[in-house]
Amino acid sequence: MELSIIEKMQDPELIATLSLGEKLRGSLIVMALGLGTCLVVLAIIMLAVKIMHALLAEKPKKDKNMPASGEIPGDEAAAIIGAVTEMEGGKPFKVVDIRQVR
């Protein structure tokens, strides 16, 4: 009965009798099995973390004072423009867009 290369690699006495090609082939098989196992375990961990994040993450609370469209009300925009004018030392400028940044 002929032993497979993996069975031969398990016995330290048989490893000494293997040729260099057989040792390399056995090493590559062991490496591929190790990398494959590692990849599968990491994928399982990643999936578990994503599932826990989906189940346990807090939902963002909506602020009732902010408009639903996300636009800044006119009085707040005027206050922002006034503050920027003061910071710029009264130099003329043009406001192109005011957006809320998270």
N, C-alpha and C. Protein backbone atom coordinates (compact mmCIF):
# COMPACT_ATOMS: atom_id res chain seq x y z
N MET A 1 0.85 -1.17 0.00
CA MET A 1 0.00 0.00 0.00
C MET A 1 0.90 1.24 0.00
N GLU A 2 0.67 2.09 -0.96
CA GLU A 2 1.46 3.32 -1.12
C GLU A 2 0.86 4.43 -0.26
N LEU A 3 1.70 5.10 0.53
CA LEU A 3 1.26 6.19 1.37
C LEU A 3 1.20 7.47 0.56
N SER A 4 0.24 8.32 0.89
CA SER A 4 0.16 9.62 0.22
C SER A 4 1.27 10.52 0.75
N ILE A 5 1.52 11.61 0.05
CA ILE A 5 2.59 12.51 0.45
C ILE A 5 2.32 13.12 1.84
N ILE A 6 1.06 13.36 2.15
CA ILE A 6 0.71 13.92 3.46
C ILE A 6 0.99 12.91 4.56
N GLU A 7 0.66 11.64 4.31
CA GLU A 7 0.95 10.60 5.30
C GLU A 7 2.45 10.42 5.49
N LYS A 8 3.22 10.56 4.41
CA LYS A 8 4.67 10.46 4.51
C LYS A 8 5.24 11.64 5.30
N MET A 9 4.65 12.82 5.15
CA MET A 9 5.14 14.01 5.84
C MET A 9 4.85 13.95 7.35
N GLN A 10 3.93 13.09 7.77
CA GLN A 10 3.60 12.97 9.18
C GLN A 10 4.64 12.17 9.96
N ASP A 11 5.36 11.33 9.28
CA ASP A 11 6.33 10.46 9.94
C ASP A 11 7.73 11.05 9.77
N PRO A 12 8.40 11.46 10.88
CA PRO A 12 9.73 12.06 10.77
C PRO A 12 10.77 11.14 10.13
N GLU A 13 10.63 9.82 10.32
CA GLU A 13 11.59 8.89 9.72
C GLU A 13 11.42 8.81 8.22
N LEU A 14 10.19 8.93 7.73
CA LEU A 14 9.95 8.86 6.29
C LEU A 14 10.33 10.16 5.58
N ILE A 15 10.28 11.27 6.29
CA ILE A 15 10.65 12.55 5.67
C ILE A 15 12.09 12.51 5.21
N ALA A 16 12.96 11.85 5.98
CA ALA A 16 14.37 11.78 5.61
C ALA A 16 14.59 10.99 4.31
N THR A 17 13.67 10.09 3.99
CA THR A 17 13.84 9.27 2.78
C THR A 17 13.23 9.93 1.55
N LEU A 18 12.49 11.02 1.72
CA LEU A 18 11.84 11.67 0.58
C LEU A 18 12.85 12.45 -0.25
N SER A 19 12.58 12.54 -1.54
CA SER A 19 13.42 13.36 -2.41
C SER A 19 13.05 14.83 -2.20
N LEU A 20 13.89 15.71 -2.74
CA LEU A 20 13.64 17.15 -2.59
C LEU A 20 12.32 17.55 -3.24
N GLY A 21 12.00 16.96 -4.40
CA GLY A 21 10.75 17.27 -5.08
C GLY A 21 9.53 16.85 -4.27
N GLU A 22 9.62 15.69 -3.62
CA GLU A 22 8.52 15.21 -2.80
C GLU A 22 8.36 16.09 -1.54
N LYS A 23 9.49 16.51 -0.98
CA LYS A 23 9.42 17.39 0.19
C LYS A 23 8.79 18.73 -0.19
N LEU A 24 9.18 19.27 -1.34
CA LEU A 24 8.60 20.55 -1.79
C LEU A 24 7.11 20.40 -2.07
N ARG A 25 6.73 19.32 -2.74
CA ARG A 25 5.32 19.10 -3.04
C ARG A 25 4.51 18.95 -1.74
N GLY A 26 5.02 18.21 -0.78
CA GLY A 26 4.34 18.05 0.50
C GLY A 26 4.25 19.36 1.25
N SER A 27 5.33 20.16 1.19
CA SER A 27 5.32 21.46 1.86
C SER A 27 4.30 22.39 1.24
N LEU A 28 4.20 22.37 -0.08
CA LEU A 28 3.21 23.22 -0.76
C LEU A 28 1.78 22.80 -0.41
N ILE A 29 1.56 21.50 -0.32
CA ILE A 29 0.22 21.02 0.05
C ILE A 29 -0.14 21.46 1.47
N VAL A 30 0.82 21.32 2.40
CA VAL A 30 0.58 21.73 3.78
C VAL A 30 0.34 23.23 3.85
N MET A 31 1.13 24.02 3.09
CA MET A 31 0.96 25.47 3.07
C MET A 31 -0.42 25.85 2.52
N ALA A 32 -0.83 25.19 1.43
CA ALA A 32 -2.14 25.50 0.83
C ALA A 32 -3.27 25.16 1.80
N LEU A 33 -3.15 24.05 2.50
CA LEU A 33 -4.17 23.67 3.48
C LEU A 33 -4.22 24.68 4.62
N GLY A 34 -3.06 25.13 5.09
CA GLY A 34 -3.02 26.12 6.16
C GLY A 34 -3.61 27.45 5.74
N LEU A 35 -3.23 27.92 4.54
CA LEU A 35 -3.77 29.19 4.05
C LEU A 35 -5.28 29.09 3.80
N GLY A 36 -5.71 27.97 3.26
CA GLY A 36 -7.15 27.79 3.03
C GLY A 36 -7.94 27.79 4.33
N THR A 37 -7.41 27.10 5.34
CA THR A 37 -8.07 27.08 6.65
C THR A 37 -8.13 28.47 7.24
N CYS A 38 -7.01 29.20 7.16
CA CYS A 38 -6.96 30.56 7.69
C CYS A 38 -7.96 31.46 6.98
N LEU A 39 -8.04 31.36 5.67
CA LEU A 39 -8.97 32.17 4.89
C LEU A 39 -10.42 31.89 5.28
N VAL A 40 -10.76 30.63 5.44
CA VAL A 40 -12.13 30.26 5.81
C VAL A 40 -12.47 30.79 7.20
N VAL A 41 -11.54 30.65 8.15
CA VAL A 41 -11.80 31.11 9.52
C VAL A 41 -11.94 32.63 9.55
N LEU A 42 -11.07 33.35 8.83
CA LEU A 42 -11.19 34.80 8.78
C LEU A 42 -12.49 35.25 8.12
N ALA A 43 -12.95 34.54 7.10
CA ALA A 43 -14.22 34.88 6.46
C ALA A 43 -15.38 34.67 7.43
N ILE A 44 -15.31 33.62 8.22
CA ILE A 44 -16.36 33.36 9.21
C ILE A 44 -16.37 34.45 10.27
N ILE A 45 -15.17 34.86 10.73
CA ILE A 45 -15.09 35.93 11.74
C ILE A 45 -15.64 37.24 11.16
N MET A 46 -15.27 37.56 9.91
CA MET A 46 -15.76 38.78 9.28
C MET A 46 -17.29 38.77 9.16
N LEU A 47 -17.84 37.65 8.77
CA LEU A 47 -19.29 37.53 8.66
C LEU A 47 -19.95 37.69 10.03
N ALA A 48 -19.36 37.10 11.06
CA ALA A 48 -19.93 37.23 12.41
C ALA A 48 -19.90 38.68 12.88
N VAL A 49 -18.80 39.39 12.60
CA VAL A 49 -18.70 40.80 13.01
C VAL A 49 -19.73 41.64 12.27
N LYS A 50 -19.92 41.39 10.97
CA LYS A 50 -20.92 42.15 10.21
C LYS A 50 -22.33 41.89 10.73
N ILE A 51 -22.62 40.66 11.07
CA ILE A 51 -23.94 40.34 11.61
C ILE A 51 -24.15 41.02 12.96
N MET A 52 -23.12 40.98 13.83
CA MET A 52 -23.24 41.64 15.13
C MET A 52 -23.40 43.14 14.97
N HIS A 53 -22.68 43.73 14.02
CA HIS A 53 -22.80 45.17 13.79
C HIS A 53 -24.22 45.52 13.33
N ALA A 54 -24.77 44.70 12.44
CA ALA A 54 -26.11 44.96 11.95
C ALA A 54 -27.15 44.83 13.07
N LEU A 55 -26.93 43.90 13.97
CA LEU A 55 -27.91 43.68 15.04
C LEU A 55 -27.75 44.64 16.21
N LEU A 56 -26.51 45.04 16.51
CA LEU A 56 -26.27 45.81 17.73
C LEU A 56 -25.99 47.28 17.51
N ALA A 57 -25.82 47.72 16.27
CA ALA A 57 -25.49 49.12 16.01
C ALA A 57 -26.68 50.01 16.35
N GLU A 58 -26.36 51.16 16.96
CA GLU A 58 -27.42 52.09 17.30
C GLU A 58 -27.89 52.83 16.05
N LYS A 59 -29.17 52.97 15.95
CA LYS A 59 -29.74 53.69 14.81
C LYS A 59 -29.59 55.19 15.06
N PRO A 60 -29.24 55.96 14.03
CA PRO A 60 -29.11 57.41 14.24
C PRO A 60 -30.47 58.04 14.56
N LYS A 61 -30.45 58.93 15.55
CA LYS A 61 -31.69 59.59 15.94
C LYS A 61 -31.87 60.84 15.10
N LYS A 62 -33.09 61.06 14.65
CA LYS A 62 -33.39 62.23 13.84
C LYS A 62 -33.62 63.44 14.73
N ASP A 63 -33.00 64.55 14.38
CA ASP A 63 -33.19 65.79 15.11
C ASP A 63 -34.45 66.46 14.58
N LYS A 64 -35.40 66.74 15.46
CA LYS A 64 -36.67 67.31 15.03
C LYS A 64 -36.53 68.76 14.60
N ASN A 65 -35.44 69.44 15.01
CA ASN A 65 -35.25 70.84 14.63
C ASN A 65 -34.67 70.99 13.23
N MET A 66 -34.03 69.94 12.68
CA MET A 66 -33.44 70.02 11.35
C MET A 66 -34.50 69.69 10.31
N PRO A 67 -34.50 70.41 9.20
CA PRO A 67 -35.43 70.08 8.13
C PRO A 67 -35.13 68.70 7.55
N ALA A 68 -36.14 68.04 7.04
CA ALA A 68 -35.97 66.68 6.51
C ALA A 68 -35.10 66.66 5.27
N SER A 69 -35.07 67.74 4.50
CA SER A 69 -34.31 67.75 3.25
C SER A 69 -32.82 67.89 3.49
N GLY A 70 -32.39 68.27 4.70
CA GLY A 70 -30.98 68.43 4.99
C GLY A 70 -30.48 69.83 4.72
N GLU A 71 -31.33 70.73 4.26
CA GLU A 71 -30.91 72.10 4.00
C GLU A 71 -30.91 72.89 5.30
N ILE A 72 -30.02 73.87 5.36
CA ILE A 72 -29.92 74.71 6.55
C ILE A 72 -30.92 75.85 6.42
N PRO A 73 -31.71 76.10 7.47
CA PRO A 73 -32.69 77.20 7.42
C PRO A 73 -32.00 78.55 7.17
N GLY A 74 -32.76 79.51 6.66
CA GLY A 74 -32.23 80.81 6.27
C GLY A 74 -31.57 81.58 7.40
N ASP A 75 -32.16 81.55 8.61
CA ASP A 75 -31.56 82.30 9.71
C ASP A 75 -30.22 81.71 10.14
N GLU A 76 -30.09 80.38 10.08
CA GLU A 76 -28.81 79.75 10.41
C GLU A 76 -27.78 80.04 9.32
N ALA A 77 -28.22 80.04 8.05
CA ALA A 77 -27.30 80.35 6.95
C ALA A 77 -26.80 81.78 7.08
N ALA A 78 -27.67 82.71 7.48
CA ALA A 78 -27.25 84.10 7.65
C ALA A 78 -26.23 84.21 8.78
N ALA A 79 -26.42 83.46 9.85
CA ALA A 79 -25.47 83.48 10.95
C ALA A 79 -24.11 82.93 10.52
N ILE A 80 -24.13 81.88 9.72
CA ILE A 80 -22.88 81.30 9.21
C ILE A 80 -22.17 82.29 8.31
N ILE A 81 -22.91 82.93 7.41
CA ILE A 81 -22.32 83.91 6.49
C ILE A 81 -21.74 85.09 7.27
N GLY A 82 -22.44 85.53 8.32
CA GLY A 82 -21.93 86.62 9.15
C GLY A 82 -20.64 86.22 9.86
N ALA A 83 -20.59 84.99 10.36
CA ALA A 83 -19.39 84.52 11.05
C ALA A 83 -18.21 84.42 10.10
N VAL A 84 -18.45 83.93 8.89
CA VAL A 84 -17.37 83.83 7.89
C VAL A 84 -16.91 85.21 7.49
N THR A 85 -17.83 86.17 7.32
CA THR A 85 -17.45 87.54 6.98
C THR A 85 -16.57 88.13 8.07
N GLU A 86 -16.92 87.90 9.32
CA GLU A 86 -16.12 88.41 10.43
C GLU A 86 -14.72 87.78 10.44
N MET A 87 -14.66 86.49 10.15
CA MET A 87 -13.36 85.80 10.12
C MET A 87 -12.48 86.30 8.98
N GLU A 88 -13.09 86.65 7.86
CA GLU A 88 -12.34 87.11 6.70
C GLU A 88 -11.99 88.59 6.79
N GLY A 89 -12.39 89.26 7.84
CA GLY A 89 -12.06 90.67 8.03
C GLY A 89 -12.90 91.59 7.16
N GLY A 90 -14.08 91.18 6.78
CA GLY A 90 -14.98 92.02 6.00
C GLY A 90 -14.71 92.01 4.51
N LYS A 91 -13.79 91.14 4.05
CA LYS A 91 -13.48 91.06 2.61
C LYS A 91 -14.69 90.49 1.88
N PRO A 92 -14.97 90.97 0.67
CA PRO A 92 -16.12 90.43 -0.07
C PRO A 92 -15.85 88.99 -0.52
N PHE A 93 -16.90 88.21 -0.45
CA PHE A 93 -16.82 86.82 -0.93
C PHE A 93 -18.21 86.39 -1.35
N LYS A 94 -18.29 85.24 -2.02
CA LYS A 94 -19.57 84.72 -2.50
C LYS A 94 -19.77 83.32 -1.92
N VAL A 95 -20.90 83.12 -1.27
CA VAL A 95 -21.23 81.80 -0.72
C VAL A 95 -21.88 80.99 -1.84
N VAL A 96 -21.24 79.87 -2.17
CA VAL A 96 -21.74 79.03 -3.26
C VAL A 96 -22.70 77.98 -2.73
N ASP A 97 -22.35 77.37 -1.60
CA ASP A 97 -23.18 76.28 -1.10
C ASP A 97 -22.93 76.13 0.40
N ILE A 98 -23.98 75.85 1.14
CA ILE A 98 -23.86 75.56 2.56
C ILE A 98 -24.45 74.18 2.76
N ARG A 99 -23.60 73.26 3.23
CA ARG A 99 -24.04 71.89 3.47
C ARG A 99 -23.63 71.46 4.86
N GLN A 100 -24.39 70.57 5.45
CA GLN A 100 -24.05 70.02 6.75
C GLN A 100 -23.06 68.87 6.53
N VAL A 101 -21.95 68.91 7.26
CA VAL A 101 -20.94 67.88 7.16
C VAL A 101 -20.97 67.08 8.45
N ARG A 102 -20.97 65.77 8.35
CA ARG A 102 -21.02 64.92 9.55
C ARG A 102 -19.65 64.72 10.12
